[in-house]
N, C-alpha and C. Protein backbone atom coordinates (compact mmCIF):
# COMPACT_ATOMS: atom_id res chain seq x y z
N MET A 1 0.88 -1.22 0.01
CA MET A 1 -0.03 0.00 0.03
C MET A 1 0.91 1.25 -0.01
N TYR A 2 1.92 1.21 0.83
CA TYR A 2 2.77 2.37 0.97
C TYR A 2 3.51 2.65 -0.35
N ASN A 3 3.97 1.58 -1.00
CA ASN A 3 4.69 1.80 -2.34
C ASN A 3 3.82 2.30 -3.38
N THR A 4 2.54 1.86 -3.41
CA THR A 4 1.59 2.37 -4.43
C THR A 4 1.31 3.77 -4.21
N LEU A 5 1.07 4.20 -2.94
CA LEU A 5 0.84 5.64 -2.63
C LEU A 5 2.03 6.45 -3.02
N MET A 6 3.20 5.90 -2.65
CA MET A 6 4.44 6.77 -2.96
C MET A 6 4.60 6.94 -4.49
N THR A 7 4.35 5.89 -5.24
CA THR A 7 4.42 5.99 -6.71
C THR A 7 3.48 7.04 -7.26
N ILE A 8 2.21 6.99 -6.81
CA ILE A 8 1.21 7.91 -7.23
C ILE A 8 1.63 9.30 -6.80
N PHE A 9 2.12 9.42 -5.57
CA PHE A 9 2.54 10.72 -5.01
C PHE A 9 3.70 11.39 -5.91
N LEU A 10 4.64 10.52 -6.31
CA LEU A 10 5.68 11.03 -7.17
C LEU A 10 5.24 11.46 -8.51
N ILE A 11 4.31 10.67 -9.08
CA ILE A 11 3.69 11.07 -10.35
C ILE A 11 2.94 12.43 -10.27
N VAL A 12 2.27 12.61 -9.17
CA VAL A 12 1.49 13.86 -8.95
C VAL A 12 2.43 15.02 -8.79
N CYS A 13 3.55 14.75 -8.06
CA CYS A 13 4.56 15.78 -7.83
C CYS A 13 5.12 16.28 -9.24
N VAL A 14 5.47 15.35 -10.04
CA VAL A 14 6.05 15.78 -11.39
C VAL A 14 4.99 16.46 -12.19
N VAL A 15 3.75 16.07 -12.24
CA VAL A 15 2.71 16.74 -12.96
C VAL A 15 2.37 18.09 -12.38
N LEU A 16 2.40 18.18 -11.07
CA LEU A 16 2.24 19.53 -10.42
C LEU A 16 3.36 20.49 -10.77
N ILE A 17 4.52 20.07 -10.81
CA ILE A 17 5.65 20.91 -11.17
C ILE A 17 5.44 21.38 -12.67
N ALA A 18 5.15 20.43 -13.50
CA ALA A 18 4.92 20.76 -14.91
C ALA A 18 3.79 21.76 -15.13
N CYS A 19 2.68 21.56 -14.34
CA CYS A 19 1.57 22.50 -14.42
C CYS A 19 1.93 23.87 -14.03
N VAL A 20 2.66 23.97 -12.92
CA VAL A 20 3.12 25.30 -12.43
C VAL A 20 4.01 25.92 -13.44
N MET A 21 4.93 25.24 -14.03
CA MET A 21 5.91 25.83 -14.94
C MET A 21 5.12 26.25 -16.32
N MET A 22 4.10 25.51 -16.66
CA MET A 22 3.38 25.89 -17.96
C MET A 22 2.45 27.00 -17.83
N GLN A 23 2.17 27.52 -16.57
CA GLN A 23 1.21 28.64 -16.46
C GLN A 23 1.83 29.87 -16.99
N PRO A 24 1.10 30.75 -17.71
CA PRO A 24 1.63 32.01 -18.28
C PRO A 24 1.93 32.99 -17.17
N ALA A 25 2.97 33.80 -17.39
CA ALA A 25 3.32 34.76 -16.39
C ALA A 25 2.30 35.87 -16.36
N LYS A 26 2.11 36.33 -15.09
CA LYS A 26 1.09 37.43 -14.88
C LYS A 26 1.69 38.68 -14.37
N THR A 27 2.90 38.88 -14.58
CA THR A 27 3.58 40.05 -13.97
C THR A 27 3.67 41.17 -15.04
N ASP A 28 3.58 42.40 -14.50
CA ASP A 28 3.80 43.54 -15.33
C ASP A 28 5.16 44.08 -14.88
N ASN A 29 6.03 44.26 -15.90
CA ASN A 29 7.35 44.78 -15.58
C ASN A 29 7.40 46.27 -15.86
N ASP A 30 6.49 46.94 -15.15
CA ASP A 30 6.35 48.36 -15.28
C ASP A 30 6.99 49.02 -14.13
N ALA A 31 7.65 50.11 -14.30
CA ALA A 31 8.32 50.81 -13.24
C ALA A 31 7.27 51.38 -12.21
N MET A 32 6.18 51.85 -12.73
CA MET A 32 5.09 52.43 -11.83
C MET A 32 4.48 51.32 -11.01
N SER A 33 4.37 50.14 -11.61
CA SER A 33 3.76 48.94 -10.87
C SER A 33 4.69 48.58 -9.76
N ALA A 34 6.02 48.70 -9.94
CA ALA A 34 7.01 48.40 -8.86
C ALA A 34 6.95 49.37 -7.69
N LEU A 35 6.62 50.62 -8.05
CA LEU A 35 6.58 51.62 -7.01
C LEU A 35 5.28 51.62 -6.20
N THR A 36 4.16 51.34 -6.97
CA THR A 36 2.85 51.39 -6.24
C THR A 36 2.42 50.06 -5.79
N GLY A 37 3.20 48.99 -6.08
CA GLY A 37 2.76 47.67 -5.62
C GLY A 37 1.71 47.05 -6.52
N GLY A 38 1.46 47.61 -7.69
CA GLY A 38 0.43 47.11 -8.61
C GLY A 38 -0.97 47.57 -8.20
N ALA A 39 -1.08 48.65 -7.51
CA ALA A 39 -2.43 49.02 -7.00
C ALA A 39 -3.28 49.50 -8.21
N GLY A 40 -2.67 49.87 -9.26
CA GLY A 40 -3.42 50.41 -10.43
C GLY A 40 -4.14 49.29 -11.14
N ASP A 41 -3.66 48.10 -10.87
CA ASP A 41 -4.25 46.93 -11.58
C ASP A 41 -5.33 46.25 -10.81
N LEU A 42 -5.78 46.96 -9.75
CA LEU A 42 -6.80 46.27 -8.86
C LEU A 42 -8.03 45.89 -9.54
N PHE A 43 -8.58 46.73 -10.37
CA PHE A 43 -9.88 46.42 -10.95
C PHE A 43 -9.66 46.05 -12.44
N SER A 44 -8.53 45.86 -12.92
CA SER A 44 -8.37 45.43 -14.33
C SER A 44 -8.08 43.88 -14.47
N ARG A 45 -8.50 43.18 -13.46
CA ARG A 45 -8.37 41.71 -13.59
C ARG A 45 -9.33 41.18 -14.56
N ARG A 46 -8.76 40.32 -15.37
CA ARG A 46 -9.62 39.61 -16.37
C ARG A 46 -9.85 38.15 -15.96
N LYS A 47 -10.93 37.62 -16.30
CA LYS A 47 -11.19 36.23 -16.10
C LYS A 47 -10.37 35.41 -17.08
N SER A 48 -9.64 34.44 -16.57
CA SER A 48 -8.84 33.65 -17.42
C SER A 48 -9.69 32.78 -18.37
N ARG A 49 -9.26 32.60 -19.55
CA ARG A 49 -9.97 31.86 -20.55
C ARG A 49 -9.00 30.89 -21.27
N GLY A 50 -9.56 29.86 -21.81
CA GLY A 50 -8.85 28.95 -22.66
C GLY A 50 -7.78 28.21 -21.86
N PHE A 51 -6.54 28.24 -22.36
CA PHE A 51 -5.40 27.58 -21.77
C PHE A 51 -5.14 28.02 -20.32
N GLU A 52 -5.26 29.29 -20.00
CA GLU A 52 -4.99 29.74 -18.69
C GLU A 52 -5.99 29.13 -17.63
N ALA A 53 -7.26 29.05 -18.07
CA ALA A 53 -8.28 28.46 -17.21
C ALA A 53 -8.09 27.03 -16.95
N VAL A 54 -7.71 26.31 -18.07
CA VAL A 54 -7.47 24.83 -17.93
C VAL A 54 -6.27 24.62 -16.97
N MET A 55 -5.23 25.38 -17.15
CA MET A 55 -4.01 25.19 -16.32
C MET A 55 -4.29 25.57 -14.85
N GLN A 56 -5.13 26.55 -14.59
CA GLN A 56 -5.44 26.89 -13.18
C GLN A 56 -6.25 25.63 -12.61
N ILE A 57 -7.21 25.11 -13.32
CA ILE A 57 -7.94 24.01 -12.85
C ILE A 57 -7.11 22.78 -12.58
N VAL A 58 -6.23 22.43 -13.51
CA VAL A 58 -5.40 21.31 -13.38
C VAL A 58 -4.42 21.50 -12.25
N THR A 59 -3.90 22.70 -12.06
CA THR A 59 -2.95 22.98 -10.97
C THR A 59 -3.69 22.86 -9.65
N THR A 60 -4.84 23.29 -9.57
CA THR A 60 -5.67 23.17 -8.28
C THR A 60 -5.89 21.76 -7.97
N ILE A 61 -6.32 20.95 -9.00
CA ILE A 61 -6.61 19.51 -8.74
C ILE A 61 -5.31 18.81 -8.31
N CYS A 62 -4.27 19.08 -8.99
CA CYS A 62 -2.91 18.39 -8.64
C CYS A 62 -2.51 18.88 -7.25
N GLY A 63 -2.70 20.11 -6.90
CA GLY A 63 -2.35 20.51 -5.54
C GLY A 63 -3.20 19.85 -4.48
N ALA A 64 -4.47 19.64 -4.74
CA ALA A 64 -5.34 18.98 -3.78
C ALA A 64 -4.94 17.46 -3.66
N LEU A 65 -4.66 16.92 -4.81
CA LEU A 65 -4.17 15.47 -4.75
C LEU A 65 -2.86 15.37 -3.99
N PHE A 66 -2.02 16.30 -4.23
CA PHE A 66 -0.71 16.31 -3.49
C PHE A 66 -0.95 16.28 -2.00
N PHE A 67 -1.84 17.22 -1.55
CA PHE A 67 -2.07 17.35 -0.12
C PHE A 67 -2.76 16.08 0.47
N ILE A 68 -3.76 15.53 -0.26
CA ILE A 68 -4.43 14.30 0.18
C ILE A 68 -3.50 13.11 0.20
N LEU A 69 -2.65 13.00 -0.77
CA LEU A 69 -1.71 11.82 -0.84
C LEU A 69 -0.63 12.04 0.24
N ALA A 70 -0.18 13.22 0.57
CA ALA A 70 0.78 13.44 1.61
C ALA A 70 0.20 13.01 2.96
N LEU A 71 -1.09 13.40 3.19
CA LEU A 71 -1.73 13.00 4.47
C LEU A 71 -1.97 11.46 4.47
N ALA A 72 -2.29 10.85 3.33
CA ALA A 72 -2.47 9.43 3.37
C ALA A 72 -1.15 8.69 3.60
N LEU A 73 -0.07 9.20 3.02
CA LEU A 73 1.27 8.56 3.25
C LEU A 73 1.65 8.68 4.77
N ILE A 74 1.36 9.84 5.41
CA ILE A 74 1.62 9.93 6.82
C ILE A 74 0.85 8.95 7.61
N TYR A 75 -0.39 8.82 7.23
CA TYR A 75 -1.34 7.84 8.02
C TYR A 75 -0.88 6.43 7.81
N VAL A 76 -0.47 6.04 6.64
CA VAL A 76 -0.09 4.65 6.30
C VAL A 76 1.25 4.41 6.97
N SER A 77 2.15 5.32 7.02
CA SER A 77 3.49 5.08 7.53
C SER A 77 3.42 5.03 9.07
N SER A 78 2.44 5.64 9.67
CA SER A 78 2.39 5.59 11.17
C SER A 78 1.60 4.41 11.70
N HIS A 79 0.85 3.67 10.81
CA HIS A 79 0.15 2.51 11.25
C HIS A 79 0.75 1.25 10.65
């Protein structure tokens, strides 16, 4: 059981790293943004569409799986 969970955990880790690396950058390299902390962009947030939305969903699912599998591994290793 432990080996199966560890294998799934490692696969989820690799997929999570890939998902995070594939997400598009959301930074503005503007000098004014650096000085004001990006406060001017407060109401200009757009809803992500297409690839961005899919990557956000996949990253959230992989993060939740990572957390659940980590807790399961702790439980299995302690019993």
